[in-house]
Amino acid sequence: MESLLSLSFDYLSSYDGIKIKKGLRQLEGLLAQICLSRTPTSDRRSSVVANGACKQTTKELSSLKDDPAFREFFKLQEGFEWNGTPATNPPPSPWLQSSANIIHYTIVAIRLIACLERLLSKASNGQNDLLIVSTLELLQGTLLIHPPSRSLFAREIYMNLLLDLLDPTCCPAIQSSTLLTLVTALLATPANTRTFETLDGLLTVTSLFKSRGTSREVKMKVVEFLYFYLMPETPVLNGAGGGLHRSPSKRLGGGEGGGRQAGTKTTEEKQGLLGRHLSNVEDLVEDLRESAPFGTCLV
């Protein structure tokens, strides 16, 4: 795994689109090995599909903590030896783990972010846009299976990168993928949401929604994002890789009770902020209460 990561990082550091594509594919293959499990040998005969391949099933997030590949991936993410980068490529900025006062690094996420920055500096074209979408999709997966990586987006420089990708000049595929990446970056991380708000992220998202040039698909993604944003914030410990939960949707409007944590906001507070940029926010909140689009919780 260490050798594969090293090789993929070399490709991701390139300005050559073909090499970047190779690096993304290698990293995608690594994440697939962690998140997918092959059908047991005894069941292979019944699982063979028309093309002769064996079916693969998605592992439950809660079970990843006991998976050897996942544990190795997590270990490499936080390994100090990964930060011996050349002088021309300064080491990524660390985040401090409050519980143990130990410096950790989010290696894969920071490499993908750097790759996004390089891709954005290139002229927009179909191939480059596809690379940006692929990078965003891998970033989404990384933020889900390695929750500490989300802490990067408490920093304005990284949050601004995502907001830049919501520019009206970007293609719909990039805008849609960026909105999903924003969800994974804000998931159960109130500090990131506060940074998003400080940088006028709500203005950026609602302006995209109001623009006549925005596609219907992207507008639907914006609405889904706003549903997510309006969820009350109650981060709690989760057994899978140190992940977090948001509070159940049935608690909408009840965020003050049960010992509210510092730095979090209730649905009502966020409704007030969103109401500065969008009318009829009350309808969104009411629909969120009635339909509970995210079920009882978000992982």
C-alpha atoms as a PDB file:
ATOM      1  CA  MET A   1       0.000   0.000   0.000  1.00  0.00           C
ATOM      2  CA  GLU A   2       2.845   2.387   0.835  1.00  0.00           C
ATOM      3  CA  SER A   3       4.495   1.812  -2.541  1.00  0.00           C
ATOM      4  CA  LEU A   4       1.212   2.294  -4.373  1.00  0.00           C
ATOM      5  CA  LEU A   5       0.519   5.560  -2.561  1.00  0.00           C
ATOM      6  CA  SER A   6       4.033   6.800  -3.300  1.00  0.00           C
ATOM      7  CA  LEU A   7       3.674   6.052  -7.005  1.00  0.00           C
ATOM      8  CA  SER A   8       0.218   7.628  -7.232  1.00  0.00           C
ATOM      9  CA  PHE A   9       1.491  10.762  -5.459  1.00  0.00           C
ATOM     10  CA  ASP A  10       4.265  11.087  -8.034  1.00  0.00           C
ATOM     11  CA  TYR A  11       1.686  11.017 -10.817  1.00  0.00           C
ATOM     12  CA  LEU A  12      -0.657  13.422  -9.007  1.00  0.00           C
ATOM     13  CA  SER A  13       2.190  15.929  -8.644  1.00  0.00           C
ATOM     14  CA  SER A  14       2.544  16.164 -12.424  1.00  0.00           C
ATOM     15  CA  TYR A  15       1.091  18.802 -14.733  1.00  0.00           C
ATOM     16  CA  ASP A  16       0.632  16.140 -17.417  1.00  0.00           C
ATOM     17  CA  GLY A  17      -3.037  15.154 -17.665  1.00  0.00           C
ATOM     18  CA  ILE A  18      -2.210  11.556 -18.628  1.00  0.00           C
ATOM     19  CA  LYS A  19      -0.011  11.078 -15.559  1.00  0.00           C
ATOM     20  CA  ILE A  20      -2.590  12.696 -13.306  1.00  0.00           C
ATOM     21  CA  LYS A  21      -5.207  10.304 -14.677  1.00  0.00           C
ATOM     22  CA  LYS A  22      -2.932   7.356 -13.862  1.00  0.00           C
ATOM     23  CA  GLY A  23      -2.425   8.620 -10.325  1.00  0.00           C
ATOM     24  CA  LEU A  24      -6.156   9.049  -9.801  1.00  0.00           C
ATOM     25  CA  ARG A  25      -6.855   5.528 -11.102  1.00  0.00           C
ATOM     26  CA  GLN A  26      -4.252   4.019  -8.798  1.00  0.00           C
ATOM     27  CA  LEU A  27      -5.672   5.843  -5.815  1.00  0.00           C
ATOM     28  CA  GLU A  28      -9.200   4.840  -6.823  1.00  0.00           C
ATOM     29  CA  GLY A  29      -8.103   1.215  -6.962  1.00  0.00           C
ATOM     30  CA  LEU A  30      -6.642   1.466  -3.483  1.00  0.00           C
ATOM     31  CA  LEU A  31      -9.818   2.960  -2.015  1.00  0.00           C
ATOM     32  CA  ALA A  32     -11.876   0.313  -3.824  1.00  0.00           C
ATOM     33  CA  GLN A  33      -9.848  -2.452  -2.171  1.00  0.00           C
ATOM     34  CA  ILE A  34     -10.603  -0.901   1.214  1.00  0.00           C
ATOM     35  CA  CYS A  35     -14.305  -0.274   0.648  1.00  0.00           C
ATOM     36  CA  LEU A  36     -15.276  -3.326  -1.418  1.00  0.00           C
ATOM     37  CA  SER A  37     -15.146  -6.994  -0.505  1.00  0.00           C
ATOM     38  CA  ARG A  38     -15.226  -9.886  -2.924  1.00  0.00           C
ATOM     39  CA  THR A  39     -17.837 -12.595  -2.644  1.00  0.00           C
ATOM     40  CA  PRO A  40     -16.538 -15.506  -0.509  1.00  0.00           C
ATOM     41  CA  THR A  41     -15.106 -18.456  -2.460  1.00  0.00           C
ATOM     42  CA  SER A  42     -18.013 -20.715  -1.517  1.00  0.00           C
ATOM     43  CA  ASP A  43     -20.463 -18.271  -3.098  1.00  0.00           C
ATOM     44  CA  ARG A  44     -18.531 -17.458  -6.251  1.00  0.00           C
ATOM     45  CA  ARG A  45     -20.409 -19.931  -8.475  1.00  0.00           C
ATOM     46  CA  SER A  46     -23.712 -18.220  -7.767  1.00  0.00           C
ATOM     47  CA  SER A  47     -22.227 -14.746  -8.019  1.00  0.00           C
ATOM     48  CA  VAL A  48     -20.746 -15.031 -11.504  1.00  0.00           C
ATOM     49  CA  VAL A  49     -22.350 -12.495 -13.794  1.00  0.00           C
ATOM     50  CA  ALA A  50     -22.669 -12.482 -17.550  1.00  0.00           C
ATOM     51  CA  ASN A  51     -19.130 -11.216 -18.150  1.00  0.00           C
ATOM     52  CA  GLY A  52     -17.624 -13.801 -15.856  1.00  0.00           C
ATOM     53  CA  ALA A  53     -16.606 -11.357 -13.126  1.00  0.00           C
ATOM     54  CA  CYS A  54     -17.289 -11.897  -9.443  1.00  0.00           C
ATOM     55  CA  LYS A  55     -19.637  -9.559  -7.693  1.00  0.00           C
ATOM     56  CA  GLN A  56     -18.242  -7.132  -5.147  1.00  0.00           C
ATOM     57  CA  THR A  57     -20.189  -5.825  -2.213  1.00  0.00           C
ATOM     58  CA  THR A  58     -19.768  -2.567  -0.376  1.00  0.00           C
ATOM     59  CA  LYS A  59     -18.495  -2.870   3.185  1.00  0.00           C
ATOM     60  CA  GLU A  60     -20.396  -1.212   5.987  1.00  0.00           C
ATOM     61  CA  LEU A  61     -18.606   1.910   7.262  1.00  0.00           C
ATOM     62  CA  SER A  62     -18.916   0.648  10.838  1.00  0.00           C
ATOM     63  CA  SER A  63     -16.980  -2.514   9.937  1.00  0.00           C
ATOM     64  CA  LEU A  64     -14.005  -0.736   8.367  1.00  0.00           C
ATOM     65  CA  LYS A  65     -12.310  -0.149  11.708  1.00  0.00           C
ATOM     66  CA  ASP A  66     -11.598  -3.897  11.912  1.00  0.00           C
ATOM     67  CA  ASP A  67     -10.414  -4.199   8.310  1.00  0.00           C
ATOM     68  CA  PRO A  68      -6.598  -4.639   8.015  1.00  0.00           C
ATOM     69  CA  ALA A  69      -6.410  -2.624   4.767  1.00  0.00           C
ATOM     70  CA  PHE A  70      -8.349   0.242   6.314  1.00  0.00           C
ATOM     71  CA  ARG A  71      -6.186   0.221   9.448  1.00  0.00           C
ATOM     72  CA  GLU A  72      -3.038   0.330   7.309  1.00  0.00           C
ATOM     73  CA  PHE A  73      -4.483   3.179   5.225  1.00  0.00           C
ATOM     74  CA  PHE A  74      -5.333   5.105   8.381  1.00  0.00           C
ATOM     75  CA  LYS A  75      -1.840   4.472   9.781  1.00  0.00           C
ATOM     76  CA  LEU A  76      -0.146   5.705   6.606  1.00  0.00           C
ATOM     77  CA  GLN A  77      -2.337   8.822   6.612  1.00  0.00           C
ATOM     78  CA  GLU A  78      -0.933   9.817   9.964  1.00  0.00           C
ATOM     79  CA  GLY A  79       2.630   8.574   9.562  1.00  0.00           C
ATOM     80  CA  PHE A  80       5.376  11.141  10.017  1.00  0.00           C
ATOM     81  CA  GLU A  81       7.621   9.389   7.481  1.00  0.00           C
ATOM     82  CA  TRP A  82       5.258  10.472   4.713  1.00  0.00           C
ATOM     83  CA  ASN A  83       6.237  14.092   5.201  1.00  0.00           C
ATOM     84  CA  GLY A  84       9.785  13.861   3.954  1.00  0.00           C
ATOM     85  CA  THR A  85       8.885  15.790   0.801  1.00  0.00           C
ATOM     86  CA  PRO A  86      11.362  17.706  -1.357  1.00  0.00           C
ATOM     87  CA  ALA A  87      12.064  21.360  -0.627  1.00  0.00           C
ATOM     88  CA  THR A  88      10.226  22.340  -3.798  1.00  0.00           C
ATOM     89  CA  ASN A  89       7.119  20.660  -2.423  1.00  0.00           C
ATOM     90  CA  PRO A  90       6.735  21.827   1.198  1.00  0.00           C
ATOM     91  CA  PRO A  91       5.064  19.443   3.657  1.00  0.00           C
ATOM     92  CA  PRO A  92       1.336  19.828   4.174  1.00  0.00           C
ATOM     93  CA  SER A  93       0.076  21.892   7.045  1.00  0.00           C
ATOM     94  CA  PRO A  94      -0.628  19.728  10.098  1.00  0.00           C
ATOM     95  CA  TRP A  95      -3.715  19.743  12.253  1.00  0.00           C
ATOM     96  CA  LEU A  96      -3.523  19.192  15.980  1.00  0.00           C
ATOM     97  CA  GLN A  97      -5.363  16.266  17.486  1.00  0.00           C
ATOM     98  CA  SER A  98      -6.870  17.814  20.611  1.00  0.00           C
ATOM     99  CA  SER A  99      -7.325  14.558  22.492  1.00  0.00           C
ATOM    100  CA  ALA A 100      -3.655  13.589  22.498  1.00  0.00           C
ATOM    101  CA  ASN A 101      -1.904  16.802  21.473  1.00  0.00           C
ATOM    102  CA  ILE A 102      -0.176  14.933  18.631  1.00  0.00           C
ATOM    103  CA  ILE A 103       0.467  16.319  15.160  1.00  0.00           C
ATOM    104  CA  HIS A 104      -1.224  14.305  12.436  1.00  0.00           C
ATOM    105  CA  TYR A 105      -1.150  14.677   8.687  1.00  0.00           C
ATOM    106  CA  THR A 106      -3.874  14.074   6.139  1.00  0.00           C
ATOM    107  CA  ILE A 107      -1.673  12.884   3.318  1.00  0.00           C
ATOM    108  CA  VAL A 108      -4.103  11.694   0.642  1.00  0.00           C
ATOM    109  CA  ALA A 109      -6.520  14.604   1.072  1.00  0.00           C
ATOM    110  CA  ILE A 110      -3.771  17.237   0.877  1.00  0.00           C
ATOM    111  CA  ARG A 111      -2.356  15.631  -2.287  1.00  0.00           C
ATOM    112  CA  LEU A 112      -5.785  15.645  -3.917  1.00  0.00           C
ATOM    113  CA  ILE A 113      -6.297  19.283  -2.944  1.00  0.00           C
ATOM    114  CA  ALA A 114      -2.912  20.201  -4.453  1.00  0.00           C
ATOM    115  CA  CYS A 115      -3.897  18.315  -7.609  1.00  0.00           C
ATOM    116  CA  LEU A 116      -7.139  20.303  -7.790  1.00  0.00           C
ATOM    117  CA  GLU A 117      -5.188  23.554  -7.546  1.00  0.00           C
ATOM    118  CA  ARG A 118      -2.962  22.531 -10.462  1.00  0.00           C
ATOM    119  CA  LEU A 119      -5.930  21.463 -12.567  1.00  0.00           C
ATOM    120  CA  LEU A 120      -7.686  24.765 -11.898  1.00  0.00           C
ATOM    121  CA  SER A 121      -4.620  26.650 -13.125  1.00  0.00           C
ATOM    122  CA  LYS A 122      -4.934  24.968 -16.530  1.00  0.00           C
ATOM    123  CA  ALA A 123      -7.201  26.049 -19.365  1.00  0.00           C
ATOM    124  CA  SER A 124     -10.718  24.658 -19.137  1.00  0.00           C
ATOM    125  CA  ASN A 125     -11.461  21.820 -21.536  1.00  0.00           C
ATOM    126  CA  GLY A 126     -13.350  18.539 -21.542  1.00  0.00           C
ATOM    127  CA  GLN A 127     -10.432  16.358 -20.456  1.00  0.00           C
ATOM    128  CA  ASN A 128      -9.362  18.724 -17.697  1.00  0.00           C
ATOM    129  CA  ASP A 129     -12.942  18.952 -16.432  1.00  0.00           C
ATOM    130  CA  LEU A 130     -13.139  15.157 -16.218  1.00  0.00           C
ATOM    131  CA  LEU A 131      -9.927  15.095 -14.175  1.00  0.00           C
ATOM    132  CA  ILE A 132     -11.342  17.692 -11.780  1.00  0.00           C
ATOM    133  CA  VAL A 133     -14.523  15.641 -11.315  1.00  0.00           C
ATOM    134  CA  SER A 134     -12.503  12.460 -10.705  1.00  0.00           C
ATOM    135  CA  THR A 135     -10.319  14.258  -8.158  1.00  0.00           C
ATOM    136  CA  LEU A 136     -13.380  15.595  -6.348  1.00  0.00           C
ATOM    137  CA  GLU A 137     -14.943  12.120  -6.219  1.00  0.00           C
ATOM    138  CA  LEU A 138     -11.784  10.654  -4.697  1.00  0.00           C
ATOM    139  CA  LEU A 139     -11.662  13.518  -2.205  1.00  0.00           C
ATOM    140  CA  GLN A 140     -15.230  12.695  -1.185  1.00  0.00           C
ATOM    141  CA  GLY A 141     -14.264   9.081  -0.496  1.00  0.00           C
ATOM    142  CA  THR A 142     -11.173  10.090   1.436  1.00  0.00           C
ATOM    143  CA  LEU A 143     -13.117  12.468   3.666  1.00  0.00           C
ATOM    144  CA  LEU A 144     -15.667   9.748   4.410  1.00  0.00           C
ATOM    145  CA  ILE A 145     -13.284   6.950   5.337  1.00  0.00           C
ATOM    146  CA  HIS A 146     -10.728   9.227   7.035  1.00  0.00           C
ATOM    147  CA  PRO A 147     -12.746  11.787   9.066  1.00  0.00           C
ATOM    148  CA  PRO A 148      -9.639  13.635  10.389  1.00  0.00           C
ATOM    149  CA  SER A 149      -9.012  14.844   6.824  1.00  0.00           C
ATOM    150  CA  ARG A 150     -12.136  16.997   7.085  1.00  0.00           C
ATOM    151  CA  SER A 151     -10.271  19.257   9.505  1.00  0.00           C
ATOM    152  CA  LEU A 152      -8.353  20.685   6.552  1.00  0.00           C
ATOM    153  CA  PHE A 153     -11.471  22.560   5.483  1.00  0.00           C
ATOM    154  CA  ALA A 154     -11.599  24.578   8.671  1.00  0.00           C
ATOM    155  CA  ARG A 155      -8.855  26.583   6.949  1.00  0.00           C
ATOM    156  CA  GLU A 156     -10.051  29.307   4.620  1.00  0.00           C
ATOM    157  CA  ILE A 157      -7.544  28.515   1.863  1.00  0.00           C
ATOM    158  CA  TYR A 158      -8.987  25.033   1.344  1.00  0.00           C
ATOM    159  CA  MET A 159     -12.630  26.001   1.766  1.00  0.00           C
ATOM    160  CA  ASN A 160     -12.124  28.790  -0.770  1.00  0.00           C
ATOM    161  CA  LEU A 161     -10.904  26.212  -3.278  1.00  0.00           C
ATOM    162  CA  LEU A 162     -14.256  24.402  -3.133  1.00  0.00           C
ATOM    163  CA  LEU A 163     -16.179  27.660  -3.385  1.00  0.00           C
ATOM    164  CA  ASP A 164     -14.131  28.606  -6.467  1.00  0.00           C
ATOM    165  CA  LEU A 165     -15.324  25.390  -8.108  1.00  0.00           C
ATOM    166  CA  LEU A 166     -18.922  26.626  -7.790  1.00  0.00           C
ATOM    167  CA  ASP A 167     -18.167  29.491 -10.142  1.00  0.00           C
ATOM    168  CA  PRO A 168     -20.808  29.891 -12.893  1.00  0.00           C
ATOM    169  CA  THR A 169     -18.111  29.340 -15.521  1.00  0.00           C
ATOM    170  CA  CYS A 170     -17.478  25.803 -14.295  1.00  0.00           C
ATOM    171  CA  CYS A 171     -19.337  22.994 -16.032  1.00  0.00           C
ATOM    172  CA  PRO A 172     -22.411  21.432 -14.346  1.00  0.00           C
ATOM    173  CA  ALA A 173     -20.571  18.187 -13.625  1.00  0.00           C
ATOM    174  CA  ILE A 174     -17.923  20.059 -11.620  1.00  0.00           C
ATOM    175  CA  GLN A 175     -20.536  22.111  -9.788  1.00  0.00           C
ATOM    176  CA  SER A 176     -22.544  19.010  -8.825  1.00  0.00           C
ATOM    177  CA  SER A 177     -19.475  17.099  -7.667  1.00  0.00           C
ATOM    178  CA  THR A 178     -18.263  20.115  -5.683  1.00  0.00           C
ATOM    179  CA  LEU A 179     -21.575  20.346  -3.826  1.00  0.00           C
ATOM    180  CA  LEU A 180     -21.234  16.692  -2.817  1.00  0.00           C
ATOM    181  CA  THR A 181     -17.645  17.308  -1.734  1.00  0.00           C
ATOM    182  CA  LEU A 182     -18.853  20.229   0.379  1.00  0.00           C
ATOM    183  CA  VAL A 183     -21.273  17.902   2.157  1.00  0.00           C
ATOM    184  CA  THR A 184     -18.486  15.466   3.016  1.00  0.00           C
ATOM    185  CA  ALA A 185     -16.238  18.348   4.116  1.00  0.00           C
ATOM    186  CA  LEU A 186     -18.889  19.816   6.439  1.00  0.00           C
ATOM    187  CA  LEU A 187     -20.225  16.490   7.692  1.00  0.00           C
ATOM    188  CA  ALA A 188     -20.283  16.483  11.504  1.00  0.00           C
ATOM    189  CA  THR A 189     -17.583  19.180  11.575  1.00  0.00           C
ATOM    190  CA  PRO A 190     -19.142  22.437  12.851  1.00  0.00           C
ATOM    191  CA  ALA A 191     -15.821  24.306  12.650  1.00  0.00           C
ATOM    192  CA  ASN A 192     -15.800  23.750   8.885  1.00  0.00           C
ATOM    193  CA  THR A 193     -19.379  24.984   8.622  1.00  0.00           C
ATOM    194  CA  ARG A 194     -18.428  28.179  10.460  1.00  0.00           C
ATOM    195  CA  THR A 195     -15.580  28.710   7.952  1.00  0.00           C
ATOM    196  CA  PHE A 196     -18.023  28.092   5.087  1.00  0.00           C
ATOM    197  CA  GLU A 197     -20.352  30.741   6.514  1.00  0.00           C
ATOM    198  CA  THR A 198     -17.528  33.243   7.155  1.00  0.00           C
ATOM    199  CA  LEU A 199     -16.435  32.993   3.509  1.00  0.00           C
ATOM    200  CA  ASP A 200     -19.977  33.781   2.298  1.00  0.00           C
ATOM    201  CA  GLY A 201     -20.478  30.191   1.230  1.00  0.00           C
ATOM    202  CA  LEU A 202     -24.239  30.596   1.575  1.00  0.00           C
ATOM    203  CA  LEU A 203     -24.145  33.538  -0.817  1.00  0.00           C
ATOM    204  CA  THR A 204     -22.110  31.488  -3.302  1.00  0.00           C
ATOM    205  CA  VAL A 205     -24.469  28.516  -3.162  1.00  0.00           C
ATOM    206  CA  THR A 206     -27.699  30.526  -3.309  1.00  0.00           C
ATOM    207  CA  SER A 207     -26.369  32.709  -6.139  1.00  0.00           C
ATOM    208  CA  LEU A 208     -25.693  29.538  -8.110  1.00  0.00           C
ATOM    209  CA  PHE A 209     -29.259  28.435  -7.429  1.00  0.00           C
ATOM    210  CA  LYS A 210     -30.733  31.755  -8.562  1.00  0.00           C
ATOM    211  CA  SER A 211     -28.660  32.042 -11.728  1.00  0.00           C
ATOM    212  CA  ARG A 212     -30.582  31.428 -14.947  1.00  0.00           C
ATOM    213  CA  GLY A 213     -27.532  29.751 -16.420  1.00  0.00           C
ATOM    214  CA  THR A 214     -27.447  27.027 -13.753  1.00  0.00           C
ATOM    215  CA  SER A 215     -28.680  23.646 -14.965  1.00  0.00           C
ATOM    216  CA  ARG A 216     -31.709  21.983 -13.390  1.00  0.00           C
ATOM    217  CA  GLU A 217     -29.555  19.108 -12.132  1.00  0.00           C
ATOM    218  CA  VAL A 218     -27.218  21.477 -10.294  1.00  0.00           C
ATOM    219  CA  LYS A 219     -30.159  23.370  -8.797  1.00  0.00           C
ATOM    220  CA  MET A 220     -31.464  20.091  -7.402  1.00  0.00           C
ATOM    221  CA  LYS A 221     -28.043  19.426  -5.881  1.00  0.00           C
ATOM    222  CA  VAL A 222     -28.129  22.892  -4.317  1.00  0.00           C
ATOM    223  CA  VAL A 223     -31.498  22.145  -2.702  1.00  0.00           C
ATOM    224  CA  GLU A 224     -30.144  18.856  -1.350  1.00  0.00           C
ATOM    225  CA  PHE A 225     -27.129  20.704   0.030  1.00  0.00           C
ATOM    226  CA  LEU A 226     -29.359  23.263   1.746  1.00  0.00           C
ATOM    227  CA  TYR A 227     -31.384  20.471   3.363  1.00  0.00           C
ATOM    228  CA  PHE A 228     -28.114  19.100   4.694  1.00  0.00           C
ATOM    229  CA  TYR A 229     -26.912  22.511   5.833  1.00  0.00           C
ATOM    230  CA  LEU A 230     -30.101  23.136   7.815  1.00  0.00           C
ATOM    231  CA  MET A 231     -29.625  19.992   9.909  1.00  0.00           C
ATOM    232  CA  PRO A 232     -28.907  20.777  13.588  1.00  0.00           C
ATOM    233  CA  GLU A 233     -25.301  20.202  14.590  1.00  0.00           C
ATOM    234  CA  THR A 234     -24.619  17.711  17.350  1.00  0.00           C
ATOM    235  CA  PRO A 235     -21.303  15.924  16.692  1.00  0.00           C
ATOM    236  CA  VAL A 236     -20.879  12.730  18.691  1.00  0.00           C
ATOM    237  CA  LEU A 237     -18.289   9.976  18.681  1.00  0.00           C
ATOM    238  CA  ASN A 238     -18.841   7.159  16.236  1.00  0.00           C
ATOM    239  CA  GLY A 239     -17.269   3.743  16.371  1.00  0.00           C
ATOM    240  CA  ALA A 240     -16.079   3.719  12.764  1.00  0.00           C
ATOM    241  CA  GLY A 241     -12.695   5.322  12.401  1.00  0.00           C
ATOM    242  CA  GLY A 242     -13.420   8.207  14.736  1.00  0.00           C
ATOM    243  CA  GLY A 243     -16.286   9.408  12.568  1.00  0.00           C
ATOM    244  CA  LEU A 244     -19.182  11.525  13.743  1.00  0.00           C
ATOM    245  CA  HIS A 245     -22.966  11.663  13.594  1.00  0.00           C
ATOM    246  CA  ARG A 246     -25.316  14.572  13.157  1.00  0.00           C
ATOM    247  CA  SER A 247     -28.347  14.572  15.379  1.00  0.00           C
ATOM    248  CA  PRO A 248     -31.492  12.799  14.146  1.00  0.00           C
ATOM    249  CA  SER A 249     -33.711  14.894  11.930  1.00  0.00           C
ATOM    250  CA  LYS A 250     -36.592  14.468  14.379  1.00  0.00           C
ATOM    251  CA  ARG A 251     -34.739  16.856  16.677  1.00  0.00           C
ATOM    252  CA  LEU A 252     -35.165  19.790  14.332  1.00  0.00           C
ATOM    253  CA  GLY A 253     -35.980  22.773  16.457  1.00  0.00           C
ATOM    254  CA  GLY A 254     -34.774  21.058  19.624  1.00  0.00           C
ATOM    255  CA  GLY A 255     -31.060  21.765  19.300  1.00  0.00           C
ATOM    256  CA  GLU A 256     -30.805  23.731  22.543  1.00  0.00           C
ATOM    257  CA  GLY A 257     -31.690  20.787  24.744  1.00  0.00           C
ATOM    258  CA  GLY A 258     -29.536  17.902  25.864  1.00  0.00           C
ATOM    259  CA  GLY A 259     -26.333  19.874  26.428  1.00  0.00           C
ATOM    260  CA  ARG A 260     -25.590  21.766  23.262  1.00  0.00           C
ATOM    261  CA  GLN A 261     -21.909  21.784  22.338  1.00  0.00           C
ATOM    262  CA  ALA A 262     -19.922  24.977  21.862  1.00  0.00           C
ATOM    263  CA  GLY A 263     -19.502  26.161  18.281  1.00  0.00           C
ATOM    264  CA  THR A 264     -22.641  24.448  16.982  1.00  0.00           C
ATOM    265  CA  LYS A 265     -25.802  26.024  15.606  1.00  0.00           C
ATOM    266  CA  THR A 266     -29.439  24.987  15.608  1.00  0.00           C
ATOM    267  CA  THR A 267     -31.675  24.762  12.576  1.00  0.00           C
ATOM    268  CA  GLU A 268     -33.339  28.047  13.586  1.00  0.00           C
ATOM    269  CA  GLU A 269     -30.002  29.874  13.716  1.00  0.00           C
ATOM    270  CA  LYS A 270     -28.958  28.587  10.313  1.00  0.00           C
ATOM    271  CA  GLN A 271     -32.397  29.330   8.946  1.00  0.00           C
ATOM    272  CA  GLY A 272     -31.815  32.969   9.878  1.00  0.00           C
ATOM    273  CA  LEU A 273     -28.476  33.043   8.059  1.00  0.00           C
ATOM    274  CA  LEU A 274     -29.864  31.374   4.958  1.00  0.00           C
ATOM    275  CA  GLY A 275     -32.879  33.689   4.990  1.00  0.00           C
ATOM    276  CA  ARG A 276     -30.579  36.628   4.207  1.00  0.00           C
ATOM    277  CA  HIS A 277     -29.945  35.158   0.766  1.00  0.00           C
ATOM    278  CA  LEU A 278     -33.020  33.071  -0.006  1.00  0.00           C
ATOM    279  CA  SER A 279     -36.726  33.543   0.487  1.00  0.00           C
ATOM    280  CA  ASN A 280     -39.142  30.870   1.682  1.00  0.00           C
ATOM    281  CA  VAL A 281     -36.527  29.138   3.812  1.00  0.00           C
ATOM    282  CA  GLU A 282     -39.385  28.258   6.163  1.00  0.00           C
ATOM    283  CA  ASP A 283     -40.723  25.930   3.471  1.00  0.00           C
ATOM    284  CA  LEU A 284     -37.390  24.118   3.303  1.00  0.00           C
ATOM    285  CA  VAL A 285     -37.324  23.677   7.070  1.00  0.00           C
ATOM    286  CA  GLU A 286     -40.894  22.416   7.165  1.00  0.00           C
ATOM    287  CA  ASP A 287     -40.196  19.946   4.368  1.00  0.00           C
ATOM    288  CA  LEU A 288     -37.071  18.804   6.209  1.00  0.00           C
ATOM    289  CA  ARG A 289     -39.137  18.168   9.326  1.00  0.00           C
ATOM    290  CA  GLU A 290     -41.806  16.217   7.484  1.00  0.00           C
ATOM    291  CA  SER A 291     -39.811  14.203   4.976  1.00  0.00           C
ATOM    292  CA  ALA A 292     -36.554  13.566   6.913  1.00  0.00           C
ATOM    293  CA  PRO A 293     -34.618  13.101   3.613  1.00  0.00           C
ATOM    294  CA  PHE A 294     -31.500  11.903   5.431  1.00  0.00           C
ATOM    295  CA  GLY A 295     -33.243   9.353   7.609  1.00  0.00           C
ATOM    296  CA  THR A 296     -32.604   9.255  11.316  1.00  0.00           C
ATOM    297  CA  CYS A 297     -28.928  10.209  11.127  1.00  0.00           C
ATOM    298  CA  LEU A 298     -25.974  10.928   8.887  1.00  0.00           C
ATOM    299  CA  VAL A 299     -22.778   8.929   9.194  1.00  0.00           C
END
